[in-house]
Each structure stands twice: as C-alpha cells, then as structure tokens.
PDB file of N, CA and C in Angstrom:
ATOM      1  N   ASP A   1      15.721  -3.874  -8.795  1.00  0.00           N
ATOM      2  CA  ASP A   1      14.816  -5.021  -8.667  1.00  0.00           C
ATOM      3  C   ASP A   1      13.409  -4.583  -8.302  1.00  0.00           C
ATOM      4  N   GLY A   2      13.077  -3.332  -8.645  1.00  0.00           N
ATOM      5  CA  GLY A   2      11.734  -2.865  -8.367  1.00  0.00           C
ATOM      6  C   GLY A   2      11.535  -2.387  -6.946  1.00  0.00           C
ATOM      7  N   PHE A   3      12.624  -1.919  -6.278  1.00  0.00           N
ATOM      8  CA  PHE A   3      12.523  -1.414  -4.916  1.00  0.00           C
ATOM      9  C   PHE A   3      13.260  -0.094  -4.816  1.00  0.00           C
ATOM     10  N   VAL A   4      12.590   0.934  -4.301  1.00  0.00           N
ATOM     11  CA  VAL A   4      13.216   2.239  -4.080  1.00  0.00           C
ATOM     12  C   VAL A   4      13.265   2.443  -2.572  1.00  0.00           C
ATOM     13  N   PRO A   5      14.458   2.347  -1.964  1.00  0.00           N
ATOM     14  CA  PRO A   5      14.549   2.485  -0.511  1.00  0.00           C
ATOM     15  C   PRO A   5      14.193   3.886  -0.043  1.00  0.00           C
ATOM     16  N   GLY A   6      13.694   3.970   1.170  1.00  0.00           N
ATOM     17  CA  GLY A   6      13.386   5.253   1.786  1.00  0.00           C
ATOM     18  C   GLY A   6      11.902   5.539   1.832  1.00  0.00           C
ATOM     19  N   ARG A   7      11.565   6.482   2.677  1.00  0.00           N
ATOM     20  CA  ARG A   7      10.167   6.886   2.869  1.00  0.00           C
ATOM     21  C   ARG A   7       9.845   7.962   1.847  1.00  0.00           C
ATOM     22  N   HIS A   8       8.886   7.722   0.966  1.00  0.00           N
ATOM     23  CA  HIS A   8       8.576   8.667  -0.108  1.00  0.00           C
ATOM     24  C   HIS A   8       7.102   9.031  -0.110  1.00  0.00           C
ATOM     25  N   GLN A   9       6.834  10.282  -0.432  1.00  0.00           N
ATOM     26  CA  GLN A   9       5.471  10.706  -0.680  1.00  0.00           C
ATOM     27  C   GLN A   9       5.055  10.210  -2.063  1.00  0.00           C
ATOM     28  N   LEU A  10       3.764  10.001  -2.253  1.00  0.00           N
ATOM     29  CA  LEU A  10       3.237   9.761  -3.595  1.00  0.00           C
ATOM     30  C   LEU A  10       2.944  11.130  -4.186  1.00  0.00           C
ATOM     31  N   ASP A  11       3.532  11.407  -5.334  1.00  0.00           N
ATOM     32  CA  ASP A  11       3.343  12.713  -5.962  1.00  0.00           C
ATOM     33  C   ASP A  11       2.106  12.740  -6.849  1.00  0.00           C
ATOM     34  N   ALA A  12       1.751  11.592  -7.411  1.00  0.00           N
ATOM     35  CA  ALA A  12       0.571  11.522  -8.284  1.00  0.00           C
ATOM     36  C   ALA A  12       0.178  10.066  -8.465  1.00  0.00           C
ATOM     37  N   PHE A  13      -1.082   9.859  -8.871  1.00  0.00           N
ATOM     38  CA  PHE A  13      -1.556   8.507  -9.179  1.00  0.00           C
ATOM     39  C   PHE A  13      -2.580   8.608 -10.291  1.00  0.00           C
ATOM     40  N   GLY A  14      -2.849   7.474 -10.937  1.00  0.00           N
ATOM     41  CA  GLY A  14      -3.780   7.425 -12.059  1.00  0.00           C
ATOM     42  C   GLY A  14      -3.029   7.045 -13.317  1.00  0.00           C
ATOM     43  N   ALA A  15      -3.737   6.976 -14.437  1.00  0.00           N
ATOM     44  CA  ALA A  15      -3.139   6.572 -15.711  1.00  0.00           C
ATOM     45  C   ALA A  15      -2.399   5.246 -15.556  1.00  0.00           C
ATOM     46  N   GLY A  16      -2.927   4.387 -14.668  1.00  0.00           N
ATOM     47  CA  GLY A  16      -2.376   3.044 -14.514  1.00  0.00           C
ATOM     48  C   GLY A  16      -1.114   2.964 -13.679  1.00  0.00           C
ATOM     49  N   GLY A  17      -0.807   4.018 -12.906  1.00  0.00           N
ATOM     50  CA  GLY A  17       0.412   3.946 -12.113  1.00  0.00           C
ATOM     51  C   GLY A  17       0.530   5.053 -11.089  1.00  0.00           C
ATOM     52  N   PHE A  18       1.786   5.289 -10.655  1.00  0.00           N
ATOM     53  CA  PHE A  18       2.084   6.225  -9.573  1.00  0.00           C
ATOM     54  C   PHE A  18       3.363   6.986  -9.883  1.00  0.00           C
ATOM     55  N   ARG A  19       3.478   8.203  -9.320  1.00  0.00           N
ATOM     56  CA  ARG A  19       4.722   8.970  -9.387  1.00  0.00           C
ATOM     57  C   ARG A  19       5.217   9.199  -7.975  1.00  0.00           C
ATOM     58  N   PHE A  20       6.498   8.931  -7.744  1.00  0.00           N
ATOM     59  CA  PHE A  20       7.126   9.141  -6.438  1.00  0.00           C
ATOM     60  C   PHE A  20       8.628   9.217  -6.638  1.00  0.00           C
ATOM     61  N   ALA A  21       9.315   9.887  -5.730  1.00  0.00           N
ATOM     62  CA  ALA A  21      10.783   9.973  -5.743  1.00  0.00           C
ATOM     63  C   ALA A  21      11.313  10.384  -7.119  1.00  0.00           C
ATOM     64  N   GLY A  22      10.578  11.258  -7.815  1.00  0.00           N
ATOM     65  CA  GLY A  22      11.017  11.727  -9.120  1.00  0.00           C
ATOM     66  C   GLY A  22      10.908  10.700 -10.220  1.00  0.00           C
ATOM     67  N   MET A  23      10.181   9.603  -9.971  1.00  0.00           N
ATOM     68  CA  MET A  23      10.043   8.533 -10.969  1.00  0.00           C
ATOM     69  C   MET A  23       8.569   8.231 -11.192  1.00  0.00           C
ATOM     70  N   SER A  24       8.297   7.577 -12.312  1.00  0.00           N
ATOM     71  CA  SER A  24       6.954   7.075 -12.590  1.00  0.00           C
ATOM     72  C   SER A  24       7.010   5.559 -12.667  1.00  0.00           C
ATOM     73  N   HIS A  25       5.945   4.927 -12.206  1.00  0.00           N
ATOM     74  CA  HIS A  25       5.826   3.466 -12.316  1.00  0.00           C
ATOM     75  C   HIS A  25       4.426   3.126 -12.776  1.00  0.00           C
ATOM     76  N   ARG A  26       4.333   2.366 -13.870  1.00  0.00           N
ATOM     77  CA  ARG A  26       3.033   1.849 -14.303  1.00  0.00           C
ATOM     78  C   ARG A  26       2.792   0.544 -13.569  1.00  0.00           C
ATOM     79  N   GLY A  27       1.670   0.443 -12.901  1.00  0.00           N
ATOM     80  CA  GLY A  27       1.337  -0.748 -12.146  1.00  0.00           C
ATOM     81  C   GLY A  27       1.177  -0.417 -10.677  1.00  0.00           C
ATOM     82  N   SER A  28       0.907  -1.442  -9.897  1.00  0.00           N
ATOM     83  CA  SER A  28       0.627  -1.288  -8.479  1.00  0.00           C
ATOM     84  C   SER A  28       1.914  -1.184  -7.669  1.00  0.00           C
ATOM     85  N   VAL A  29       1.809  -0.570  -6.468  1.00  0.00           N
ATOM     86  CA  VAL A  29       2.968  -0.404  -5.596  1.00  0.00           C
ATOM     87  C   VAL A  29       2.608  -0.759  -4.155  1.00  0.00           C
ATOM     88  N   LEU A  30       3.645  -1.149  -3.417  1.00  0.00           N
ATOM     89  CA  LEU A  30       3.537  -1.412  -1.985  1.00  0.00           C
ATOM     90  C   LEU A  30       4.536  -0.488  -1.296  1.00  0.00           C
ATOM     91  N   ALA A  31       4.020   0.456  -0.513  1.00  0.00           N
ATOM     92  CA  ALA A  31       4.865   1.445   0.165  1.00  0.00           C
ATOM     93  C   ALA A  31       4.935   1.111   1.650  1.00  0.00           C
ATOM     94  N   THR A  32       6.161   0.915   2.149  1.00  0.00           N
ATOM     95  CA  THR A  32       6.386   0.643   3.565  1.00  0.00           C
ATOM     96  C   THR A  32       7.422   1.651   4.069  1.00  0.00           C
ATOM     97  N   PRO A  33       7.658   1.702   5.372  1.00  0.00           N
ATOM     98  CA  PRO A  33       8.686   2.630   5.861  1.00  0.00           C
ATOM     99  C   PRO A  33      10.062   2.396   5.232  1.00  0.00           C
ATOM    100  N   ALA A  34      10.360   1.158   4.826  1.00  0.00           N
ATOM    101  CA  ALA A  34      11.671   0.864   4.228  1.00  0.00           C
ATOM    102  C   ALA A  34      11.788   1.343   2.794  1.00  0.00           C
ATOM    103  N   GLY A  35      10.665   1.466   2.083  1.00  0.00           N
ATOM    104  CA  GLY A  35      10.714   1.895   0.696  1.00  0.00           C
ATOM    105  C   GLY A  35       9.456   1.540  -0.066  1.00  0.00           C
ATOM    106  N   ILE A  36       9.500   1.810  -1.374  1.00  0.00           N
ATOM    107  CA  ILE A  36       8.375   1.512  -2.261  1.00  0.00           C
ATOM    108  C   ILE A  36       8.826   0.436  -3.231  1.00  0.00           C
ATOM    109  N   ARG A  37       8.002  -0.604  -3.357  1.00  0.00           N
ATOM    110  CA  ARG A  37       8.341  -1.705  -4.266  1.00  0.00           C
ATOM    111  C   ARG A  37       7.201  -1.935  -5.249  1.00  0.00           C
ATOM    112  N   ILE A  38       7.579  -2.481  -6.407  1.00  0.00           N
ATOM    113  CA  ILE A  38       6.584  -2.922  -7.381  1.00  0.00           C
ATOM    114  C   ILE A  38       5.759  -4.020  -6.723  1.00  0.00           C
ATOM    115  N   TRP A  39       4.451  -3.968  -6.900  1.00  0.00           N
ATOM    116  CA  TRP A  39       3.539  -4.945  -6.299  1.00  0.00           C
ATOM    117  C   TRP A  39       2.763  -5.584  -7.433  1.00  0.00           C
ATOM    118  N   PRO A  40       3.015  -6.854  -7.745  1.00  0.00           N
ATOM    119  CA  PRO A  40       2.457  -7.473  -8.956  1.00  0.00           C
ATOM    120  C   PRO A  40       0.975  -7.847  -8.827  1.00  0.00           C
ATOM    121  N   VAL A  41       0.138  -6.824  -8.651  1.00  0.00           N
ATOM    122  CA  VAL A  41      -1.305  -7.027  -8.489  1.00  0.00           C
ATOM    123  C   VAL A  41      -2.028  -6.078  -9.438  1.00  0.00           C
ATOM    124  N   ALA A  42      -2.954  -6.616 -10.223  1.00  0.00           N
ATOM    125  CA  ALA A  42      -3.755  -5.766 -11.111  1.00  0.00           C
ATOM    126  C   ALA A  42      -5.188  -5.628 -10.603  1.00  0.00           C
ATOM    127  N   ARG A  43      -5.663  -6.632  -9.866  1.00  0.00           N
ATOM    128  CA  ARG A  43      -7.028  -6.632  -9.342  1.00  0.00           C
ATOM    129  C   ARG A  43      -7.015  -7.112  -7.898  1.00  0.00           C
ATOM    130  N   PHE A  44      -7.949  -6.629  -7.109  1.00  0.00           N
ATOM    131  CA  PHE A  44      -8.030  -6.995  -5.699  1.00  0.00           C
ATOM    132  C   PHE A  44      -8.097  -8.508  -5.517  1.00  0.00           C
ATOM    133  N   SER A  45      -8.812  -9.176  -6.404  1.00  0.00           N
ATOM    134  CA  SER A  45      -8.992 -10.632  -6.289  1.00  0.00           C
ATOM    135  C   SER A  45      -7.686 -11.409  -6.420  1.00  0.00           C
ATOM    136  N   GLU A  46      -6.627 -10.763  -6.937  1.00  0.00           N
ATOM    137  CA  GLU A  46      -5.330 -11.431  -7.106  1.00  0.00           C
ATOM    138  C   GLU A  46      -4.477 -11.418  -5.840  1.00  0.00           C
ATOM    139  N   ILE A  47      -4.851 -10.607  -4.849  1.00  0.00           N
ATOM    140  CA  ILE A  47      -4.032 -10.463  -3.643  1.00  0.00           C
ATOM    141  C   ILE A  47      -4.114 -11.734  -2.803  1.00  0.00           C
ATOM    142  N   THR A  48      -2.951 -12.181  -2.350  1.00  0.00           N
ATOM    143  CA  THR A  48      -2.888 -13.295  -1.411  1.00  0.00           C
ATOM    144  C   THR A  48      -2.223 -12.791  -0.127  1.00  0.00           C
ATOM    145  N   ALA A  49      -2.378 -13.540   0.939  1.00  0.00           N
ATOM    146  CA  ALA A  49      -1.738 -13.161   2.201  1.00  0.00           C
ATOM    147  C   ALA A  49      -0.223 -13.062   2.023  1.00  0.00           C
ATOM    148  N   GLU A  50       0.358 -13.919   1.168  1.00  0.00           N
ATOM    149  CA  GLU A  50       1.807 -13.893   0.931  1.00  0.00           C
ATOM    150  C   GLU A  50       2.248 -12.554   0.349  1.00  0.00           C
ATOM    151  N   MET A  51       1.381 -11.921  -0.437  1.00  0.00           N
ATOM    152  CA  MET A  51       1.733 -10.639  -1.048  1.00  0.00           C
ATOM    153  C   MET A  51       1.815  -9.521  -0.017  1.00  0.00           C
ATOM    154  N   LEU A  52       1.320  -9.787   1.193  1.00  0.00           N
ATOM    155  CA  LEU A  52       1.401  -8.805   2.277  1.00  0.00           C
ATOM    156  C   LEU A  52       2.629  -9.042   3.162  1.00  0.00           C
ATOM    157  N   GLN A  53       3.445 -10.058   2.810  1.00  0.00           N
ATOM    158  CA  GLN A  53       4.611 -10.417   3.635  1.00  0.00           C
ATOM    159  C   GLN A  53       5.567  -9.251   3.890  1.00  0.00           C
ATOM    160  N   PRO A  54       5.851  -8.390   2.895  1.00  0.00           N
ATOM    161  CA  PRO A  54       6.750  -7.266   3.191  1.00  0.00           C
ATOM    162  C   PRO A  54       6.228  -6.382   4.333  1.00  0.00           C
ATOM    163  N   VAL A  55       4.919  -6.263   4.442  1.00  0.00           N
ATOM    164  CA  VAL A  55       4.329  -5.482   5.533  1.00  0.00           C
ATOM    165  C   VAL A  55       4.572  -6.203   6.860  1.00  0.00           C
ATOM    166  N   LEU A  56       4.365  -7.516   6.868  1.00  0.00           N
ATOM    167  CA  LEU A  56       4.601  -8.296   8.092  1.00  0.00           C
ATOM    168  C   LEU A  56       6.073  -8.243   8.484  1.00  0.00           C
ATOM    169  N   ASP A  57       6.957  -8.259   7.483  1.00  0.00           N
ATOM    170  CA  ASP A  57       8.399  -8.201   7.755  1.00  0.00           C
ATOM    171  C   ASP A  57       8.786  -6.905   8.457  1.00  0.00           C
ATOM    172  N   GLU A  58       8.029  -5.841   8.229  1.00  0.00           N
ATOM    173  CA  GLU A  58       8.322  -4.540   8.835  1.00  0.00           C
ATOM    174  C   GLU A  58       7.318  -4.186   9.931  1.00  0.00           C
ATOM    175  N   ALA A  59       6.628  -5.188  10.462  1.00  0.00           N
ATOM    176  CA  ALA A  59       5.537  -4.938  11.423  1.00  0.00           C
ATOM    177  C   ALA A  59       5.970  -4.074  12.603  1.00  0.00           C
ATOM    178  N   GLY A  60       7.234  -4.168  13.005  1.00  0.00           N
ATOM    179  CA  GLY A  60       7.723  -3.362  14.117  1.00  0.00           C
ATOM    180  C   GLY A  60       7.698  -1.865  13.839  1.00  0.00           C
ATOM    181  N   ALA A  61       7.595  -1.489  12.565  1.00  0.00           N
ATOM    182  CA  ALA A  61       7.605  -0.075  12.181  1.00  0.00           C
ATOM    183  C   ALA A  61       6.271   0.382  11.588  1.00  0.00           C
ATOM    184  N   ILE A  62       5.255  -0.517  11.589  1.00  0.00           N
ATOM    185  CA  ILE A  62       3.972  -0.209  10.943  1.00  0.00           C
ATOM    186  C   ILE A  62       2.833  -0.448  11.928  1.00  0.00           C
ATOM    187  N   ASP A  63       1.979   0.569  12.077  1.00  0.00           N
ATOM    188  CA  ASP A  63       0.772   0.435  12.897  1.00  0.00           C
ATOM    189  C   ASP A  63      -0.471   0.281  12.036  1.00  0.00           C
ATOM    190  N   PHE A  64      -0.400   0.768  10.794  1.00  0.00           N
ATOM    191  CA  PHE A  64      -1.601   0.924   9.991  1.00  0.00           C
ATOM    192  C   PHE A  64      -1.281   0.606   8.535  1.00  0.00           C
ATOM    193  N   LEU A  65      -2.100  -0.226   7.904  1.00  0.00           N
ATOM    194  CA  LEU A  65      -1.953  -0.545   6.478  1.00  0.00           C
ATOM    195  C   LEU A  65      -3.189  -0.083   5.737  1.00  0.00           C
ATOM    196  N   LEU A  66      -2.984   0.768   4.739  1.00  0.00           N
ATOM    197  CA  LEU A  66      -4.051   1.152   3.818  1.00  0.00           C
ATOM    198  C   LEU A  66      -3.959   0.234   2.611  1.00  0.00           C
ATOM    199  N   ILE A  67      -5.067  -0.364   2.220  1.00  0.00           N
ATOM    200  CA  ILE A  67      -5.091  -1.126   0.973  1.00  0.00           C
ATOM    201  C   ILE A  67      -5.983  -0.378  -0.004  1.00  0.00           C
ATOM    202  N   GLY A  68      -5.357   0.100  -1.081  1.00  0.00           N
ATOM    203  CA  GLY A  68      -6.100   0.740  -2.167  1.00  0.00           C
ATOM    204  C   GLY A  68      -6.604  -0.366  -3.073  1.00  0.00           C
ATOM    205  N   THR A  69      -7.912  -0.587  -3.055  1.00  0.00           N
ATOM    206  CA  THR A  69      -8.505  -1.780  -3.660  1.00  0.00           C
ATOM    207  C   THR A  69      -8.819  -1.631  -5.145  1.00  0.00           C
ATOM    208  N   GLY A  70      -8.389  -0.537  -5.759  1.00  0.00           N
ATOM    209  CA  GLY A  70      -8.674  -0.299  -7.167  1.00  0.00           C
ATOM    210  C   GLY A  70      -9.728   0.792  -7.297  1.00  0.00           C
ATOM    211  N   ALA A  71     -10.478   0.755  -8.393  1.00  0.00           N
ATOM    212  CA  ALA A  71     -11.490   1.788  -8.628  1.00  0.00           C
ATOM    213  C   ALA A  71     -12.659   1.665  -7.657  1.00  0.00           C
ATOM    214  N   ASP A  72     -12.904   0.452  -7.180  1.00  0.00           N
ATOM    215  CA  ASP A  72     -14.028   0.191  -6.288  1.00  0.00           C
ATOM    216  C   ASP A  72     -13.535  -0.245  -4.917  1.00  0.00           C
ATOM    217  N   ILE A  73     -14.381  -0.057  -3.921  1.00  0.00           N
ATOM    218  CA  ILE A  73     -14.073  -0.535  -2.579  1.00  0.00           C
ATOM    219  C   ILE A  73     -14.328  -2.045  -2.551  1.00  0.00           C
ATOM    220  N   ALA A  74     -13.441  -2.778  -1.909  1.00  0.00           N
ATOM    221  CA  ALA A  74     -13.594  -4.227  -1.759  1.00  0.00           C
ATOM    222  C   ALA A  74     -13.497  -4.580  -0.283  1.00  0.00           C
ATOM    223  N   PHE A  75     -14.117  -5.666   0.089  1.00  0.00           N
ATOM    224  CA  PHE A  75     -14.123  -6.127   1.470  1.00  0.00           C
ATOM    225  C   PHE A  75     -12.801  -6.808   1.796  1.00  0.00           C
ATOM    226  N   ILE A  76     -12.151  -6.396   2.870  1.00  0.00           N
ATOM    227  CA  ILE A  76     -10.890  -7.018   3.297  1.00  0.00           C
ATOM    228  C   ILE A  76     -11.228  -8.310   4.043  1.00  0.00           C
ATOM    229  N   PRO A  77     -10.725  -9.458   3.583  1.00  0.00           N
ATOM    230  CA  PRO A  77     -11.056 -10.735   4.235  1.00  0.00           C
ATOM    231  C   PRO A  77     -10.655 -10.755   5.714  1.00  0.00           C
ATOM    232  N   HIS A  78     -11.498 -11.374   6.548  1.00  0.00           N
ATOM    233  CA  HIS A  78     -11.224 -11.466   7.987  1.00  0.00           C
ATOM    234  C   HIS A  78      -9.862 -12.087   8.259  1.00  0.00           C
ATOM    235  N   GLY A  79      -9.481 -13.080   7.462  1.00  0.00           N
ATOM    236  CA  GLY A  79      -8.189 -13.749   7.663  1.00  0.00           C
ATOM    237  C   GLY A  79      -7.017 -12.784   7.585  1.00  0.00           C
ATOM    238  N   TRP A  80      -7.083 -11.841   6.630  1.00  0.00           N
ATOM    239  CA  TRP A  80      -6.009 -10.849   6.504  1.00  0.00           C
ATOM    240  C   TRP A  80      -6.017  -9.930   7.714  1.00  0.00           C
ATOM    241  N   CYS A  81      -7.213  -9.498   8.118  1.00  0.00           N
ATOM    242  CA  CYS A  81      -7.330  -8.603   9.275  1.00  0.00           C
ATOM    243  C   CYS A  81      -6.736  -9.272  10.511  1.00  0.00           C
ATOM    244  N   ASP A  82      -7.066 -10.556  10.699  1.00  0.00           N
ATOM    245  CA  ASP A  82      -6.553 -11.299  11.860  1.00  0.00           C
ATOM    246  C   ASP A  82      -5.038 -11.441  11.784  1.00  0.00           C
ATOM    247  N   LEU A  83      -4.524 -11.804  10.600  1.00  0.00           N
ATOM    248  CA  LEU A  83      -3.084 -11.989  10.413  1.00  0.00           C
ATOM    249  C   LEU A  83      -2.333 -10.690  10.734  1.00  0.00           C
ATOM    250  N   LEU A  84      -2.815  -9.585  10.196  1.00  0.00           N
ATOM    251  CA  LEU A  84      -2.155  -8.294  10.420  1.00  0.00           C
ATOM    252  C   LEU A  84      -2.285  -7.872  11.879  1.00  0.00           C
ATOM    253  N   ARG A  85      -3.459  -8.090  12.473  1.00  0.00           N
ATOM    254  CA  ARG A  85      -3.670  -7.704  13.872  1.00  0.00           C
ATOM    255  C   ARG A  85      -2.715  -8.460  14.787  1.00  0.00           C
ATOM    256  N   GLU A  86      -2.446  -9.744  14.459  1.00  0.00           N
ATOM    257  CA  GLU A  86      -1.486 -10.533  15.245  1.00  0.00           C
ATOM    258  C   GLU A  86      -0.104  -9.879  15.258  1.00  0.00           C
ATOM    259  N   HIS A  87       0.178  -9.078  14.229  1.00  0.00           N
ATOM    260  CA  HIS A  87       1.462  -8.377  14.116  1.00  0.00           C
ATOM    261  C   HIS A  87       1.342  -6.915  14.557  1.00  0.00           C
ATOM    262  N   GLY A  88       0.199  -6.558  15.157  1.00  0.00           N
ATOM    263  CA  GLY A  88       0.014  -5.202  15.668  1.00  0.00           C
ATOM    264  C   GLY A  88      -0.369  -4.178  14.622  1.00  0.00           C
ATOM    265  N   ILE A  89      -0.891  -4.641  13.482  1.00  0.00           N
ATOM    266  CA  ILE A  89      -1.214  -3.739  12.376  1.00  0.00           C
ATOM    267  C   ILE A  89      -2.725  -3.717  12.144  1.00  0.00           C
ATOM    268  N   THR A  90      -3.287  -2.514  12.083  1.00  0.00           N
ATOM    269  CA  THR A  90      -4.685  -2.324  11.721  1.00  0.00           C
ATOM    270  C   THR A  90      -4.741  -2.113  10.213  1.00  0.00           C
ATOM    271  N   VAL A  91      -5.728  -2.712   9.557  1.00  0.00           N
ATOM    272  CA  VAL A  91      -5.847  -2.585   8.098  1.00  0.00           C
ATOM    273  C   VAL A  91      -7.159  -1.910   7.750  1.00  0.00           C
ATOM    274  N   GLU A  92      -7.101  -1.081   6.713  1.00  0.00           N
ATOM    275  CA  GLU A  92      -8.307  -0.459   6.197  1.00  0.00           C
ATOM    276  C   GLU A  92      -8.259  -0.470   4.684  1.00  0.00           C
ATOM    277  N   GLY A  93      -9.349  -0.941   4.075  1.00  0.00           N
ATOM    278  CA  GLY A  93      -9.460  -0.952   2.624  1.00  0.00           C
ATOM    279  C   GLY A  93     -10.304   0.213   2.152  1.00  0.00           C
ATOM    280  N   MET A  94      -9.885   0.800   1.050  1.00  0.00           N
ATOM    281  CA  MET A  94     -10.636   1.894   0.437  1.00  0.00           C
ATOM    282  C   MET A  94     -10.239   1.950  -1.035  1.00  0.00           C
ATOM    283  N   ALA A  95     -11.032   2.635  -1.836  1.00  0.00           N
ATOM    284  CA  ALA A  95     -10.681   2.787  -3.246  1.00  0.00           C
ATOM    285  C   ALA A  95      -9.279   3.395  -3.334  1.00  0.00           C
ATOM    286  N   THR A  96      -8.533   3.027  -4.365  1.00  0.00           N
ATOM    287  CA  THR A  96      -7.142   3.485  -4.491  1.00  0.00           C
ATOM    288  C   THR A  96      -7.025   5.003  -4.433  1.00  0.00           C
ATOM    289  N   GLY A  97      -7.944   5.730  -5.056  1.00  0.00           N
ATOM    290  CA  GLY A  97      -7.868   7.191  -5.029  1.00  0.00           C
ATOM    291  C   GLY A  97      -7.874   7.725  -3.608  1.00  0.00           C
ATOM    292  N   ALA A  98      -8.777   7.203  -2.779  1.00  0.00           N
ATOM    293  CA  ALA A  98      -8.861   7.644  -1.385  1.00  0.00           C
ATOM    294  C   ALA A  98      -7.595   7.242  -0.625  1.00  0.00           C
ATOM    295  N   ALA A  99      -7.112   6.031  -0.850  1.00  0.00           N
ATOM    296  CA  ALA A  99      -5.905   5.558  -0.157  1.00  0.00           C
ATOM    297  C   ALA A  99      -4.689   6.377  -0.577  1.00  0.00           C
ATOM    298  N   ALA A 100      -4.579   6.692  -1.874  1.00  0.00           N
ATOM    299  CA  ALA A 100      -3.436   7.450  -2.381  1.00  0.00           C
ATOM    300  C   ALA A 100      -3.463   8.896  -1.889  1.00  0.00           C
ATOM    301  N   ARG A 101      -4.639   9.402  -1.540  1.00  0.00           N
ATOM    302  CA  ARG A 101      -4.734  10.749  -0.963  1.00  0.00           C
ATOM    303  C   ARG A 101      -4.504  10.712   0.554  1.00  0.00           C
ATOM    304  N   THR A 102      -4.879   9.627   1.213  1.00  0.00           N
ATOM    305  CA  THR A 102      -4.737   9.501   2.667  1.00  0.00           C
ATOM    306  C   THR A 102      -3.296   9.205   3.066  1.00  0.00           C
ATOM    307  N   TYR A 103      -2.619   8.334   2.303  1.00  0.00           N
ATOM    308  CA  TYR A 103      -1.259   7.916   2.645  1.00  0.00           C
ATOM    309  C   TYR A 103      -0.303   9.106   2.843  1.00  0.00           C
ATOM    310  N   PRO A 104      -0.228  10.062   1.902  1.00  0.00           N
ATOM    311  CA  PRO A 104       0.712  11.172   2.093  1.00  0.00           C
ATOM    312  C   PRO A 104       0.410  12.014   3.339  1.00  0.00           C
ATOM    313  N   VAL A 105      -0.867  12.142   3.682  1.00  0.00           N
ATOM    314  CA  VAL A 105      -1.240  12.896   4.876  1.00  0.00           C
ATOM    315  C   VAL A 105      -0.687  12.193   6.116  1.00  0.00           C
ATOM    316  N   LEU A 106      -0.842  10.870   6.180  1.00  0.00           N
ATOM    317  CA  LEU A 106      -0.353  10.108   7.321  1.00  0.00           C
ATOM    318  C   LEU A 106       1.177  10.123   7.388  1.00  0.00           C
ATOM    319  N   VAL A 107       1.844  10.040   6.228  1.00  0.00           N
ATOM    320  CA  VAL A 107       3.314  10.116   6.195  1.00  0.00           C
ATOM    321  C   VAL A 107       3.761  11.491   6.700  1.00  0.00           C
ATOM    322  N   ALA A 108       3.077  12.549   6.247  1.00  0.00           N
ATOM    323  CA  ALA A 108       3.440  13.906   6.667  1.00  0.00           C
ATOM    324  C   ALA A 108       3.261  14.080   8.178  1.00  0.00           C
ATOM    325  N   GLU A 109       2.317  13.342   8.766  1.00  0.00           N
ATOM    326  CA  GLU A 109       2.101  13.380  10.218  1.00  0.00           C
ATOM    327  C   GLU A 109       3.065  12.441  10.944  1.00  0.00           C
ATOM    328  N   ASP A 110       3.986  11.820  10.185  1.00  0.00           N
ATOM    329  CA  ASP A 110       4.968  10.893  10.730  1.00  0.00           C
ATOM    330  C   ASP A 110       4.312   9.681  11.392  1.00  0.00           C
ATOM    331  N   ARG A 111       3.181   9.257  10.817  1.00  0.00           N
ATOM    332  CA  ARG A 111       2.493   8.076  11.317  1.00  0.00           C
ATOM    333  C   ARG A 111       3.190   6.827  10.790  1.00  0.00           C
ATOM    334  N   ARG A 112       3.047   5.718  11.501  1.00  0.00           N
ATOM    335  CA  ARG A 112       3.692   4.452  11.134  1.00  0.00           C
ATOM    336  C   ARG A 112       2.753   3.693  10.190  1.00  0.00           C
ATOM    337  N   VAL A 113       2.788   4.093   8.910  1.00  0.00           N
ATOM    338  CA  VAL A 113       1.810   3.629   7.937  1.00  0.00           C
ATOM    339  C   VAL A 113       2.492   2.955   6.751  1.00  0.00           C
ATOM    340  N   ALA A 114       1.775   2.011   6.165  1.00  0.00           N
ATOM    341  CA  ALA A 114       2.162   1.386   4.890  1.00  0.00           C
ATOM    342  C   ALA A 114       0.940   1.455   3.978  1.00  0.00           C
ATOM    343  N   ALA A 115       1.167   1.334   2.665  1.00  0.00           N
ATOM    344  CA  ALA A 115       0.063   1.364   1.718  1.00  0.00           C
ATOM    345  C   ALA A 115       0.311   0.361   0.597  1.00  0.00           C
ATOM    346  N   ALA A 116      -0.685  -0.466   0.350  1.00  0.00           N
ATOM    347  CA  ALA A 116      -0.689  -1.405  -0.770  1.00  0.00           C
ATOM    348  C   ALA A 116      -1.708  -0.855  -1.757  1.00  0.00           C
ATOM    349  N   LEU A 117      -1.226  -0.379  -2.906  1.00  0.00           N
ATOM    350  CA  LEU A 117      -2.080   0.383  -3.807  1.00  0.00           C
ATOM    351  C   LEU A 117      -2.182  -0.262  -5.189  1.00  0.00           C
ATOM    352  N   ILE A 118      -3.397  -0.656  -5.543  1.00  0.00           N
ATOM    353  CA  ILE A 118      -3.649  -1.212  -6.867  1.00  0.00           C
ATOM    354  C   ILE A 118      -3.823  -0.047  -7.844  1.00  0.00           C
ATOM    355  N   ALA A 119      -3.068  -0.078  -8.922  1.00  0.00           N
ATOM    356  CA  ALA A 119      -3.100   1.000  -9.910  1.00  0.00           C
ATOM    357  C   ALA A 119      -4.491   1.127 -10.542  1.00  0.00           C
ATOM    358  N   VAL A 120      -4.864   2.372 -10.845  1.00  0.00           N
ATOM    359  CA  VAL A 120      -6.129   2.657 -11.520  1.00  0.00           C
ATOM    360  C   VAL A 120      -5.857   3.570 -12.714  1.00  0.00           C
ATOM    361  N   GLU A 121      -6.748   3.504 -13.686  1.00  0.00           N
ATOM    362  CA  GLU A 121      -6.578   4.359 -14.869  1.00  0.00           C
ATOM    363  C   GLU A 121      -6.904   5.810 -14.564  1.00  0.00           C
TER     364      GLU A 121
END
C-alpha cells in the first residue's frame, strides 16, 4: 500500500524520485521512524496540514521534521510550525536536494528525525 516499514537511508534522489531499501520510487516520499511511505505531493503548494498527519501520529519518536520543498526553497506556514511545535516537533524547510542530503546524516547520528520530500527531476 505504498509503505515500507523500518528506518531506511535514502540511497539516491533525483530523476523524479528516490531510491531506498533496494527499491526505487518515482514521486514524493514521507520518511518517519516507522517507515517510508508514498506521499502524494508534486508541488509545495499542494501540501495540507492533513498530509503531515503521519508525522503527528509518530510525534513521540520525532523531534525534527525536514520538509524538502522541491527545487526551490519555500516558506513553511506559521500554522504548520505551530501545529508541529504543539507535538514537540521542530520543522525546517529547505530545497529537496539539501533535505535529502541532510536526512541520512541525521539518521546516521540516530537523531529522531522525519523527512517529507517532494520529488525533483
């Protein structure tokens, strides 16, 4: 159903998708401590607070959320920041390339991190 359980490194990104756990996926992904799931977002403007629900569901295991906003940096709405902060999660938005490079470093440091990554070409 578009969910790969377990904590996985991102092996590669670009060409409209991501490689992880020996698989490739075209499209965006949401990586949490529980696993990596397909994230039905093509552009930052399509994200709603509801699309961040899996992160809120795992808030007890997440301190930090990286949002890969696509090819360009986008401003994270205050409402999302407030919602996540209420659950003890700090959010940072950055271009997907930067987020996809930062996420594996934080996972390797055993940090309590999640990443919502919009696919880029």
